[in-house]
Amino acid sequence: MVVDTNILVSAILSSDGAAREVLRRCLTGRYRPLIGNALFLEYEDVLSREKLSAAAPVGPEDREALLDAFLGACQWIEIVFLWRPNLPDEADNHPVELAVAGNATAIVTHNARDLAAGELAFDSFRVVAPGDLLREEKLTWLP
């Protein structure tokens, strides 16, 4: 699975909810998220922004430690072929490329509509919101 940056941000900003549970499951080894250069750089950039610092209940050192732990749970994927699904936002292409390169089963995001709006469609993975992923798996979690 590919965990979009907005899932990490949501998990940091809220102590409960589906995004936090997805992050927990990554950290405990239940999920094995994929990571590549572009997504890694985006994680670092977004999690270090001052706007997030002002809103987050945890400080920059804790966010850095969380990112390090999350990255330790990830499988590194080298992208050797770039796909251009022509998404509304060019920055959304790299999670799709990562999903294809790593044979992911899903991209977990709060931005499902935009990620699914490409001209080039892939049947090998699905784009799913974190709450939908958890409901589909019929696993219990406390909101």
N, C-alpha and C. Protein backbone atom coordinates (compact mmCIF):
# COMPACT_ATOMS: atom_id res chain seq x y z
N MET A 1 0.83 -1.17 0.00
CA MET A 1 0.00 0.00 0.00
C MET A 1 0.88 1.23 0.00
N VAL A 2 0.35 2.29 -0.58
CA VAL A 2 1.00 3.60 -0.55
C VAL A 2 0.17 4.48 0.38
N VAL A 3 0.83 5.09 1.35
CA VAL A 3 0.17 5.97 2.30
C VAL A 3 0.46 7.41 1.87
N ASP A 4 -0.57 8.10 1.41
CA ASP A 4 -0.42 9.47 0.95
C ASP A 4 -0.05 10.38 2.12
N THR A 5 0.60 11.46 1.81
CA THR A 5 1.06 12.41 2.83
C THR A 5 -0.08 12.93 3.69
N ASN A 6 -1.24 13.14 3.09
CA ASN A 6 -2.35 13.69 3.88
C ASN A 6 -2.81 12.74 4.98
N ILE A 7 -2.51 11.46 4.86
CA ILE A 7 -2.84 10.51 5.92
C ILE A 7 -1.91 10.72 7.11
N LEU A 8 -0.61 10.91 6.85
CA LEU A 8 0.32 11.19 7.95
C LEU A 8 -0.03 12.48 8.65
N VAL A 9 -0.37 13.51 7.88
CA VAL A 9 -0.73 14.79 8.48
C VAL A 9 -1.97 14.63 9.35
N SER A 10 -2.99 13.96 8.84
CA SER A 10 -4.22 13.74 9.63
C SER A 10 -3.93 12.96 10.90
N ALA A 11 -3.07 11.95 10.80
CA ALA A 11 -2.74 11.14 11.97
C ALA A 11 -2.01 11.96 13.02
N ILE A 12 -1.20 12.91 12.60
CA ILE A 12 -0.48 13.77 13.54
C ILE A 12 -1.40 14.79 14.18
N LEU A 13 -2.34 15.31 13.41
CA LEU A 13 -3.23 16.36 13.92
C LEU A 13 -4.34 15.83 14.81
N SER A 14 -4.72 14.59 14.64
CA SER A 14 -5.84 14.03 15.40
C SER A 14 -5.40 12.76 16.11
N SER A 15 -5.73 12.66 17.39
CA SER A 15 -5.31 11.49 18.16
C SER A 15 -6.21 10.28 17.95
N ASP A 16 -7.28 10.47 17.22
CA ASP A 16 -8.14 9.33 16.91
C ASP A 16 -8.53 9.41 15.44
N GLY A 17 -9.29 8.46 14.98
CA GLY A 17 -9.73 8.45 13.60
C GLY A 17 -9.02 7.41 12.77
N ALA A 18 -9.50 7.28 11.55
CA ALA A 18 -9.02 6.23 10.65
C ALA A 18 -7.57 6.44 10.22
N ALA A 19 -7.18 7.68 9.97
CA ALA A 19 -5.80 7.93 9.55
C ALA A 19 -4.82 7.51 10.64
N ARG A 20 -5.13 7.82 11.89
CA ARG A 20 -4.26 7.42 13.00
C ARG A 20 -4.18 5.89 13.10
N GLU A 21 -5.31 5.23 12.88
CA GLU A 21 -5.31 3.76 12.95
C GLU A 21 -4.49 3.15 11.81
N VAL A 22 -4.58 3.73 10.62
CA VAL A 22 -3.76 3.24 9.51
C VAL A 22 -2.28 3.41 9.85
N LEU A 23 -1.91 4.56 10.41
CA LEU A 23 -0.52 4.79 10.81
C LEU A 23 -0.10 3.77 11.87
N ARG A 24 -0.95 3.52 12.86
CA ARG A 24 -0.64 2.52 13.89
C ARG A 24 -0.36 1.16 13.27
N ARG A 25 -1.19 0.79 12.34
CA ARG A 25 -1.05 -0.53 11.71
C ARG A 25 0.22 -0.60 10.87
N CYS A 26 0.64 0.49 10.31
CA CYS A 26 1.94 0.52 9.61
C CYS A 26 3.08 0.35 10.61
N LEU A 27 3.00 1.06 11.71
CA LEU A 27 4.08 1.02 12.71
C LEU A 27 4.18 -0.33 13.42
N THR A 28 3.07 -1.05 13.52
CA THR A 28 3.08 -2.35 14.18
C THR A 28 3.30 -3.51 13.21
N GLY A 29 3.47 -3.21 11.93
CA GLY A 29 3.75 -4.25 10.96
C GLY A 29 2.55 -4.91 10.33
N ARG A 30 1.37 -4.49 10.68
CA ARG A 30 0.17 -5.07 10.06
C ARG A 30 0.10 -4.67 8.58
N TYR A 31 0.49 -3.44 8.28
CA TYR A 31 0.59 -2.97 6.90
C TYR A 31 2.06 -2.71 6.59
N ARG A 32 2.43 -2.93 5.35
CA ARG A 32 3.80 -2.66 4.89
C ARG A 32 3.72 -1.58 3.80
N PRO A 33 3.81 -0.31 4.19
CA PRO A 33 3.70 0.76 3.20
C PRO A 33 4.92 0.82 2.29
N LEU A 34 4.70 1.32 1.09
CA LEU A 34 5.77 1.50 0.13
C LEU A 34 6.24 2.95 0.17
N ILE A 35 7.52 3.15 -0.09
CA ILE A 35 8.10 4.50 -0.10
C ILE A 35 9.09 4.58 -1.26
N GLY A 36 9.15 5.75 -1.87
CA GLY A 36 10.10 6.04 -2.93
C GLY A 36 10.65 7.44 -2.74
N ASN A 37 11.55 7.86 -3.59
CA ASN A 37 12.20 9.16 -3.44
C ASN A 37 11.22 10.32 -3.35
N ALA A 38 10.31 10.41 -4.30
CA ALA A 38 9.40 11.56 -4.34
C ALA A 38 8.51 11.63 -3.10
N LEU A 39 7.97 10.49 -2.69
CA LEU A 39 7.09 10.49 -1.52
C LEU A 39 7.88 10.78 -0.25
N PHE A 40 9.08 10.23 -0.14
CA PHE A 40 9.94 10.51 1.00
C PHE A 40 10.21 12.02 1.12
N LEU A 41 10.56 12.65 0.02
CA LEU A 41 10.83 14.10 0.05
C LEU A 41 9.58 14.90 0.39
N GLU A 42 8.43 14.45 -0.09
CA GLU A 42 7.18 15.13 0.24
C GLU A 42 6.86 14.98 1.73
N TYR A 43 7.03 13.78 2.28
CA TYR A 43 6.82 13.59 3.71
C TYR A 43 7.68 14.56 4.51
N GLU A 44 8.97 14.60 4.20
CA GLU A 44 9.89 15.48 4.93
C GLU A 44 9.47 16.94 4.82
N ASP A 45 9.12 17.37 3.61
CA ASP A 45 8.74 18.75 3.40
C ASP A 45 7.49 19.12 4.18
N VAL A 46 6.45 18.35 4.02
CA VAL A 46 5.16 18.68 4.64
C VAL A 46 5.25 18.61 6.16
N LEU A 47 5.91 17.59 6.70
CA LEU A 47 5.96 17.44 8.15
C LEU A 47 6.86 18.47 8.83
N SER A 48 7.67 19.18 8.06
CA SER A 48 8.52 20.21 8.65
C SER A 48 7.96 21.63 8.49
N ARG A 49 6.80 21.77 7.91
CA ARG A 49 6.22 23.09 7.66
C ARG A 49 5.77 23.75 8.96
N GLU A 50 5.99 25.05 9.04
CA GLU A 50 5.62 25.80 10.24
C GLU A 50 4.12 25.78 10.49
N LYS A 51 3.33 25.79 9.44
CA LYS A 51 1.87 25.75 9.59
C LYS A 51 1.43 24.49 10.32
N LEU A 52 2.07 23.38 10.01
CA LEU A 52 1.76 22.12 10.71
C LEU A 52 2.25 22.19 12.15
N SER A 53 3.41 22.80 12.36
CA SER A 53 3.95 22.95 13.71
C SER A 53 2.99 23.68 14.62
N ALA A 54 2.34 24.71 14.08
CA ALA A 54 1.41 25.50 14.88
C ALA A 54 0.15 24.71 15.23
N ALA A 55 -0.27 23.82 14.34
CA ALA A 55 -1.52 23.09 14.55
C ALA A 55 -1.35 21.75 15.24
N ALA A 56 -0.16 21.18 15.17
CA ALA A 56 0.05 19.82 15.68
C ALA A 56 0.24 19.81 17.19
N PRO A 57 -0.30 18.80 17.86
CA PRO A 57 -0.11 18.70 19.31
C PRO A 57 1.27 18.16 19.69
N VAL A 58 2.06 17.74 18.71
CA VAL A 58 3.42 17.24 18.98
C VAL A 58 4.43 18.15 18.30
N GLY A 59 5.58 18.27 18.93
CA GLY A 59 6.62 19.15 18.43
C GLY A 59 7.40 18.56 17.27
N PRO A 60 8.30 19.36 16.69
CA PRO A 60 9.07 18.92 15.53
C PRO A 60 9.93 17.68 15.81
N GLU A 61 10.49 17.57 17.00
CA GLU A 61 11.33 16.42 17.32
C GLU A 61 10.50 15.14 17.34
N ASP A 62 9.31 15.22 17.91
CA ASP A 62 8.43 14.05 17.95
C ASP A 62 7.94 13.68 16.55
N ARG A 63 7.65 14.69 15.72
CA ARG A 63 7.23 14.41 14.35
C ARG A 63 8.37 13.75 13.57
N GLU A 64 9.59 14.20 13.82
CA GLU A 64 10.74 13.60 13.15
C GLU A 64 10.94 12.15 13.60
N ALA A 65 10.78 11.90 14.88
CA ALA A 65 10.90 10.53 15.40
C ALA A 65 9.80 9.64 14.82
N LEU A 66 8.60 10.17 14.72
CA LEU A 66 7.49 9.42 14.15
C LEU A 66 7.78 9.10 12.68
N LEU A 67 8.26 10.09 11.94
CA LEU A 67 8.59 9.86 10.54
C LEU A 67 9.68 8.80 10.41
N ASP A 68 10.70 8.87 11.26
CA ASP A 68 11.77 7.87 11.22
C ASP A 68 11.21 6.47 11.48
N ALA A 69 10.33 6.34 12.47
CA ALA A 69 9.73 5.04 12.78
C ALA A 69 8.88 4.56 11.61
N PHE A 70 8.11 5.46 11.04
CA PHE A 70 7.27 5.10 9.90
C PHE A 70 8.13 4.63 8.72
N LEU A 71 9.19 5.38 8.43
CA LEU A 71 10.06 5.01 7.32
C LEU A 71 10.71 3.65 7.56
N GLY A 72 10.99 3.34 8.83
CA GLY A 72 11.54 2.03 9.17
C GLY A 72 10.58 0.89 8.89
N ALA A 73 9.29 1.20 8.85
CA ALA A 73 8.28 0.19 8.56
C ALA A 73 8.00 0.05 7.06
N CYS A 74 8.55 0.98 6.28
CA CYS A 74 8.27 1.02 4.85
C CYS A 74 9.21 0.13 4.04
N GLN A 75 8.74 -0.25 2.87
CA GLN A 75 9.57 -0.96 1.90
C GLN A 75 9.96 0.04 0.82
N TRP A 76 11.27 0.20 0.61
CA TRP A 76 11.76 1.16 -0.37
C TRP A 76 11.58 0.58 -1.77
N ILE A 77 11.01 1.40 -2.66
CA ILE A 77 10.76 0.99 -4.04
C ILE A 77 11.46 1.97 -4.97
N GLU A 78 12.22 1.44 -5.89
CA GLU A 78 12.86 2.29 -6.89
C GLU A 78 11.93 2.38 -8.10
N ILE A 79 11.62 3.59 -8.49
CA ILE A 79 10.76 3.81 -9.65
C ILE A 79 11.66 3.99 -10.86
N VAL A 80 11.53 3.11 -11.82
CA VAL A 80 12.37 3.18 -13.01
C VAL A 80 11.60 3.60 -14.26
N PHE A 81 10.29 3.62 -14.16
CA PHE A 81 9.46 4.05 -15.29
C PHE A 81 8.42 5.01 -14.76
N LEU A 82 8.32 6.19 -15.36
CA LEU A 82 7.37 7.20 -14.91
C LEU A 82 6.07 7.09 -15.69
N TRP A 83 4.99 6.98 -14.94
CA TRP A 83 3.66 6.96 -15.53
C TRP A 83 3.07 8.36 -15.38
N ARG A 84 2.33 8.79 -16.32
CA ARG A 84 1.65 10.08 -16.24
C ARG A 84 0.17 9.85 -16.46
N PRO A 85 -0.56 9.60 -15.37
CA PRO A 85 -2.00 9.38 -15.51
C PRO A 85 -2.79 10.66 -15.78
N ASN A 86 -2.09 11.80 -15.89
CA ASN A 86 -2.73 13.09 -16.15
C ASN A 86 -3.77 13.44 -15.09
N LEU A 87 -3.33 13.44 -13.86
CA LEU A 87 -4.20 13.80 -12.75
C LEU A 87 -4.36 15.32 -12.70
N PRO A 88 -5.43 15.80 -12.09
CA PRO A 88 -5.64 17.25 -12.00
C PRO A 88 -4.46 18.00 -11.36
N ASP A 89 -3.80 17.36 -10.39
CA ASP A 89 -2.64 17.94 -9.73
C ASP A 89 -1.42 17.09 -10.07
N GLU A 90 -0.46 17.67 -10.77
CA GLU A 90 0.75 16.95 -11.18
C GLU A 90 1.44 16.28 -10.00
N ALA A 91 1.38 16.89 -8.83
CA ALA A 91 2.05 16.33 -7.64
C ALA A 91 1.42 15.01 -7.19
N ASP A 92 0.24 14.70 -7.66
CA ASP A 92 -0.42 13.44 -7.29
C ASP A 92 0.04 12.26 -8.14
N ASN A 93 0.83 12.51 -9.18
CA ASN A 93 1.27 11.42 -10.04
C ASN A 93 2.22 10.45 -9.34
N HIS A 94 3.08 10.96 -8.46
CA HIS A 94 4.09 10.07 -7.88
C HIS A 94 3.53 8.97 -7.00
N PRO A 95 2.44 9.15 -6.25
CA PRO A 95 1.90 7.99 -5.53
C PRO A 95 1.40 6.90 -6.48
N VAL A 96 0.87 7.31 -7.62
CA VAL A 96 0.42 6.34 -8.62
C VAL A 96 1.62 5.58 -9.18
N GLU A 97 2.69 6.29 -9.49
CA GLU A 97 3.90 5.64 -10.00
C GLU A 97 4.47 4.66 -8.97
N LEU A 98 4.44 5.06 -7.72
CA LEU A 98 4.93 4.19 -6.65
C LEU A 98 4.06 2.94 -6.52
N ALA A 99 2.75 3.12 -6.60
CA ALA A 99 1.84 1.98 -6.51
C ALA A 99 2.08 0.99 -7.65
N VAL A 100 2.29 1.50 -8.84
CA VAL A 100 2.55 0.63 -9.99
C VAL A 100 3.89 -0.09 -9.82
N ALA A 101 4.94 0.67 -9.50
CA ALA A 101 6.28 0.09 -9.38
C ALA A 101 6.37 -0.94 -8.25
N GLY A 102 5.63 -0.72 -7.17
CA GLY A 102 5.72 -1.61 -6.02
C GLY A 102 4.62 -2.66 -5.96
N ASN A 103 3.81 -2.75 -7.02
CA ASN A 103 2.68 -3.70 -7.04
C ASN A 103 1.78 -3.53 -5.83
N ALA A 104 1.50 -2.30 -5.47
CA ALA A 104 0.63 -2.01 -4.32
C ALA A 104 -0.79 -2.47 -4.61
N THR A 105 -1.49 -2.78 -3.55
CA THR A 105 -2.90 -3.13 -3.68
C THR A 105 -3.79 -1.90 -3.50
N ALA A 106 -3.23 -0.84 -2.88
CA ALA A 106 -4.04 0.35 -2.61
C ALA A 106 -3.18 1.58 -2.41
N ILE A 107 -3.77 2.73 -2.71
CA ILE A 107 -3.25 4.02 -2.29
C ILE A 107 -4.25 4.52 -1.26
N VAL A 108 -3.80 4.77 -0.05
CA VAL A 108 -4.67 5.24 1.02
C VAL A 108 -4.52 6.76 1.09
N THR A 109 -5.63 7.46 0.94
CA THR A 109 -5.59 8.91 0.84
C THR A 109 -6.94 9.52 1.21
N HIS A 110 -6.89 10.79 1.60
CA HIS A 110 -8.13 11.57 1.75
C HIS A 110 -8.47 12.25 0.44
N ASN A 111 -7.66 12.04 -0.57
CA ASN A 111 -7.80 12.70 -1.86
C ASN A 111 -8.19 11.68 -2.94
N ALA A 112 -9.05 10.76 -2.60
CA ALA A 112 -9.39 9.66 -3.50
C ALA A 112 -9.99 10.14 -4.82
N ARG A 113 -10.82 11.14 -4.77
CA ARG A 113 -11.48 11.59 -6.00
C ARG A 113 -10.45 12.08 -7.02
N ASP A 114 -9.49 12.89 -6.59
CA ASP A 114 -8.49 13.40 -7.53
C ASP A 114 -7.55 12.31 -8.02
N LEU A 115 -7.15 11.40 -7.13
CA LEU A 115 -6.23 10.33 -7.54
C LEU A 115 -6.89 9.33 -8.48
N ALA A 116 -8.19 9.22 -8.42
CA ALA A 116 -8.90 8.30 -9.29
C ALA A 116 -9.35 8.96 -10.59
N ALA A 117 -9.04 10.25 -10.77
CA ALA A 117 -9.54 11.01 -11.91
C ALA A 117 -8.59 11.03 -13.10
N GLY A 118 -7.58 10.19 -13.12
CA GLY A 118 -6.61 10.20 -14.20
C GLY A 118 -7.15 9.63 -15.49
N GLU A 119 -6.53 10.03 -16.59
CA GLU A 119 -6.89 9.50 -17.90
C GLU A 119 -6.39 8.06 -18.07
N LEU A 120 -5.34 7.72 -17.35
CA LEU A 120 -4.76 6.39 -17.41
C LEU A 120 -5.19 5.64 -16.15
N ALA A 121 -5.94 4.57 -16.32
CA ALA A 121 -6.47 3.83 -15.18
C ALA A 121 -5.67 2.54 -14.97
N PHE A 122 -5.55 2.15 -13.70
CA PHE A 122 -4.83 0.93 -13.34
C PHE A 122 -5.78 0.03 -12.56
N ASP A 123 -5.86 -1.21 -12.96
CA ASP A 123 -6.70 -2.19 -12.26
C ASP A 123 -5.94 -2.90 -11.15
N SER A 124 -4.63 -2.67 -11.06
CA SER A 124 -3.81 -3.42 -10.11
C SER A 124 -3.90 -2.89 -8.68
N PHE A 125 -4.43 -1.70 -8.50
CA PHE A 125 -4.59 -1.14 -7.15
C PHE A 125 -5.85 -0.29 -7.12
N ARG A 126 -6.26 0.01 -5.91
CA ARG A 126 -7.43 0.88 -5.74
C ARG A 126 -7.04 2.10 -4.93
N VAL A 127 -7.82 3.13 -5.05
CA VAL A 127 -7.61 4.35 -4.29
C VAL A 127 -8.73 4.38 -3.25
N VAL A 128 -8.32 4.46 -1.97
CA VAL A 128 -9.29 4.28 -0.89
C VAL A 128 -9.01 5.24 0.27
N ALA A 129 -10.06 5.72 0.88
CA ALA A 129 -9.94 6.54 2.08
C ALA A 129 -9.63 5.62 3.27
N PRO A 130 -8.96 6.13 4.29
CA PRO A 130 -8.57 5.26 5.41
C PRO A 130 -9.75 4.61 6.12
N GLY A 131 -10.83 5.34 6.33
CA GLY A 131 -12.00 4.75 6.98
C GLY A 131 -12.61 3.64 6.16
N ASP A 132 -12.65 3.83 4.85
CA ASP A 132 -13.18 2.79 3.97
C ASP A 132 -12.29 1.55 3.99
N LEU A 133 -10.99 1.75 4.00
CA LEU A 133 -10.06 0.63 4.07
C LEU A 133 -10.32 -0.21 5.33
N LEU A 134 -10.44 0.47 6.45
CA LEU A 134 -10.65 -0.25 7.71
C LEU A 134 -12.01 -0.94 7.74
N ARG A 135 -13.05 -0.29 7.22
CA ARG A 135 -14.37 -0.92 7.18
C ARG A 135 -14.37 -2.14 6.26
N GLU A 136 -13.71 -2.01 5.11
CA GLU A 136 -13.65 -3.13 4.17
C GLU A 136 -12.94 -4.33 4.76
N GLU A 137 -11.96 -4.09 5.57
CA GLU A 137 -11.23 -5.19 6.17
C GLU A 137 -11.99 -5.81 7.34
N LYS A 138 -13.06 -5.17 7.73
CA LYS A 138 -13.90 -5.65 8.83
C LYS A 138 -13.09 -5.85 10.10
N LEU A 139 -12.10 -4.99 10.27
CA LEU A 139 -11.29 -5.01 11.49
C LEU A 139 -11.82 -3.93 12.40
N THR A 140 -11.79 -4.16 13.65
CA THR A 140 -12.32 -3.19 14.59
C THR A 140 -11.28 -2.16 14.96
N TRP A 141 -11.76 -0.96 15.14
CA TRP A 141 -10.93 0.14 15.62
C TRP A 141 -11.86 1.12 16.32
N LEU A 142 -11.32 1.86 17.22
CA LEU A 142 -12.12 2.83 17.96
C LEU A 142 -11.89 4.21 17.38
N PRO A 143 -12.98 4.87 16.93
CA PRO A 143 -12.83 6.21 16.37
C PRO A 143 -12.52 7.24 17.45
